[in-house]
Amino acid sequence: MPPGRELRLVAGVDVSFFSSEAAAITTEQRAIATVVVHSFPALEVVYTAHQEVVLSTPYVAGFLAFREAAPLAALLRRLQTKHPQLAPQVVLVDGSGVLHPAGFGLACHLGVLTGLPTVGVAKNVRATALRADAAVEPVETLPGAKRVRAA
């Protein structure tokens, strides 16, 4: 990172379901939306917040953002408003980012909604193909950064 902009705070977000409801096919499911902020590089927990939510949007593969983005964004916005000194410099999201079949997964949605840099950390890689001519550009030009082309 550029001088004076060292990485200090990293967050992770997830929505977890109660085990009794995880397998149930219902129109509404109770879940817990959570954000945890760690100092970096010490990885000490400096902030946690969670909220029980009721999700009425059914799970549909490829459309996780429409189900989980709102409660996660609300937690991150609350953090940014009430504890701006603890707002993370990057958020790791339990879901896809640009490596989503539509090229815009849950991590991307959260980044747009909160203005925070996000990285999608998906549990499963779905069938996603990058165009051969698609370029992945660094957000900031860092020493030694170079353009990467998809294979």
Protein backbone atom coordinates (compact mmCIF):
# COMPACT_ATOMS: atom_id res chain seq x y z
CA MET A 1 0.00 0.00 0.00
CA PRO A 2 1.15 3.57 -0.49
CA PRO A 3 3.03 5.10 2.46
CA GLY A 4 0.66 6.20 5.21
CA ARG A 5 -2.06 3.84 3.97
CA GLU A 6 -0.92 0.59 5.53
CA LEU A 7 -3.58 -2.04 6.03
CA ARG A 8 -4.76 -1.78 9.65
CA LEU A 9 -8.34 -3.11 9.79
CA VAL A 10 -9.88 -6.10 8.00
CA ALA A 11 -13.49 -7.25 8.38
CA GLY A 12 -15.33 -10.44 7.60
CA VAL A 13 -19.09 -10.73 7.09
CA ASP A 14 -21.45 -13.69 6.90
CA VAL A 15 -25.06 -14.70 7.32
CA SER A 16 -25.58 -17.97 9.20
CA PHE A 17 -28.79 -19.90 9.58
CA PHE A 18 -30.16 -21.70 12.60
CA SER A 19 -29.49 -25.40 12.05
CA SER A 20 -33.16 -26.31 12.49
CA GLU A 21 -34.10 -23.92 9.67
CA ALA A 22 -31.15 -24.37 7.34
CA ALA A 23 -32.65 -27.38 5.59
CA ALA A 24 -36.24 -26.18 5.74
CA ILE A 25 -37.83 -24.84 2.58
CA THR A 26 -39.89 -21.97 3.93
CA THR A 27 -40.76 -18.48 2.77
CA GLU A 28 -39.08 -16.96 5.81
CA GLN A 29 -35.90 -18.07 7.55
CA ARG A 30 -34.32 -16.71 10.70
CA ALA A 31 -30.61 -16.04 10.45
CA ILE A 32 -27.78 -14.14 12.12
CA ALA A 33 -25.92 -11.50 10.11
CA THR A 34 -22.45 -10.86 11.54
CA VAL A 35 -19.49 -8.54 11.06
CA VAL A 36 -16.13 -9.00 12.78
CA VAL A 37 -13.29 -6.49 12.44
CA HIS A 38 -9.70 -7.56 13.11
CA SER A 39 -6.59 -5.46 13.50
CA PHE A 40 -3.93 -6.29 10.95
CA PRO A 41 -1.41 -7.88 11.09
CA ALA A 42 -2.06 -8.86 14.74
CA LEU A 43 -5.55 -10.25 13.88
CA GLU A 44 -6.97 -9.15 17.22
CA VAL A 45 -10.75 -8.74 17.28
CA VAL A 46 -11.49 -5.02 17.67
CA TYR A 47 -15.23 -4.99 16.84
CA THR A 48 -18.09 -7.44 16.49
CA ALA A 49 -21.75 -6.96 15.76
CA HIS A 50 -24.56 -9.29 14.88
CA GLN A 51 -28.25 -8.98 14.18
CA GLU A 52 -30.95 -11.60 14.03
CA VAL A 53 -32.79 -11.18 10.74
CA VAL A 54 -35.71 -12.79 8.98
CA LEU A 55 -34.99 -13.42 5.32
CA SER A 56 -38.07 -13.64 3.15
CA THR A 57 -36.25 -13.98 -0.18
CA PRO A 58 -35.75 -17.66 -1.02
CA TYR A 59 -32.30 -18.98 -1.81
CA VAL A 60 -31.71 -19.13 -5.55
CA ALA A 61 -28.25 -20.10 -6.80
CA GLY A 62 -26.53 -17.07 -8.29
CA PHE A 63 -28.78 -14.54 -6.54
CA LEU A 64 -27.37 -14.58 -3.00
CA ALA A 65 -26.98 -10.79 -2.95
CA PHE A 66 -30.73 -10.31 -3.16
CA ARG A 67 -31.08 -12.40 -0.01
CA GLU A 68 -28.10 -11.35 2.14
CA ALA A 69 -26.79 -7.95 1.02
CA ALA A 70 -29.28 -5.76 2.91
CA PRO A 71 -28.67 -7.09 6.44
CA LEU A 72 -24.90 -7.19 5.94
CA ALA A 73 -24.85 -3.66 4.50
CA ALA A 74 -26.90 -2.44 7.48
CA LEU A 75 -24.32 -3.83 9.92
CA LEU A 76 -21.44 -2.26 7.99
CA ARG A 77 -23.22 1.11 7.73
CA ARG A 78 -23.87 1.05 11.49
CA LEU A 79 -20.16 0.41 12.06
CA GLN A 80 -19.19 3.25 9.69
CA THR A 81 -21.59 5.65 11.43
CA LYS A 82 -21.17 4.76 15.10
CA HIS A 83 -17.49 3.72 15.11
CA PRO A 84 -15.85 5.30 12.04
CA GLN A 85 -12.39 4.78 13.55
CA LEU A 86 -13.01 1.01 13.29
CA ALA A 87 -14.33 0.99 9.72
CA PRO A 88 -12.37 -1.67 7.84
CA GLN A 89 -10.15 -0.94 4.88
CA VAL A 90 -11.27 -4.17 3.25
CA VAL A 91 -14.17 -6.56 3.86
CA LEU A 92 -13.95 -10.30 3.21
CA VAL A 93 -17.39 -11.53 2.15
CA ASP A 94 -18.69 -15.08 2.37
CA GLY A 95 -19.83 -15.11 -1.25
CA SER A 96 -18.60 -14.39 -4.76
CA GLY A 97 -17.33 -11.10 -6.10
CA VAL A 98 -16.39 -10.62 -9.75
CA LEU A 99 -15.82 -14.36 -10.19
CA HIS A 100 -19.59 -14.84 -10.22
CA PRO A 101 -21.41 -16.21 -13.27
CA ALA A 102 -22.93 -12.76 -13.81
CA GLY A 103 -19.65 -11.02 -12.93
CA PHE A 104 -21.19 -9.23 -9.94
CA GLY A 105 -21.78 -11.28 -6.79
CA LEU A 106 -22.61 -10.53 -3.16
CA ALA A 107 -19.19 -9.00 -2.46
CA CYS A 108 -19.63 -6.53 -5.32
CA HIS A 109 -23.11 -5.56 -4.13
CA LEU A 110 -21.81 -4.91 -0.61
CA GLY A 111 -18.97 -2.80 -1.95
CA VAL A 112 -21.40 -0.62 -3.89
CA LEU A 113 -23.86 -0.34 -0.99
CA THR A 114 -21.23 0.57 1.62
CA GLY A 115 -18.44 2.21 -0.36
CA LEU A 116 -15.96 -0.22 1.20
CA PRO A 117 -13.49 -2.37 -0.76
CA THR A 118 -14.66 -5.99 -0.71
CA VAL A 119 -13.23 -9.38 -1.63
CA GLY A 120 -15.48 -12.33 -2.36
CA VAL A 121 -14.44 -15.54 -0.60
CA ALA A 122 -16.78 -18.17 -2.02
CA LYS A 123 -16.99 -21.67 -0.58
CA ASN A 124 -17.64 -23.18 -3.99
CA VAL A 125 -16.44 -22.16 -7.42
CA ARG A 126 -19.39 -22.05 -9.75
CA ALA A 127 -19.01 -22.53 -13.49
CA THR A 128 -17.56 -19.14 -14.36
CA ALA A 129 -15.61 -18.30 -17.47
CA LEU A 130 -13.80 -15.01 -17.92
CA ARG A 131 -13.67 -13.70 -21.45
CA ALA A 132 -10.22 -14.18 -22.95
CA ASP A 133 -10.01 -10.45 -23.64
CA ALA A 134 -11.13 -9.42 -20.12
CA ALA A 135 -8.50 -7.61 -18.14
CA VAL A 136 -8.25 -7.50 -14.36
CA GLU A 137 -6.83 -4.11 -13.45
CA PRO A 138 -5.31 -3.16 -10.08
CA VAL A 139 -7.51 -0.63 -8.26
CA GLU A 140 -4.43 1.38 -7.34
CA THR A 141 -1.13 1.29 -9.11
CA LEU A 142 1.23 -0.31 -6.63
CA PRO A 143 4.96 -0.80 -7.06
CA GLY A 144 5.39 -3.90 -9.18
CA ALA A 145 1.68 -4.13 -10.06
CA LYS A 146 1.01 -5.21 -13.59
CA ARG A 147 -1.94 -5.93 -15.81
CA VAL A 148 -3.21 -9.51 -15.65
CA ARG A 149 -5.06 -11.16 -18.50
CA ALA A 150 -7.45 -14.05 -18.04
CA ALA A 151 -6.26 -17.32 -19.56
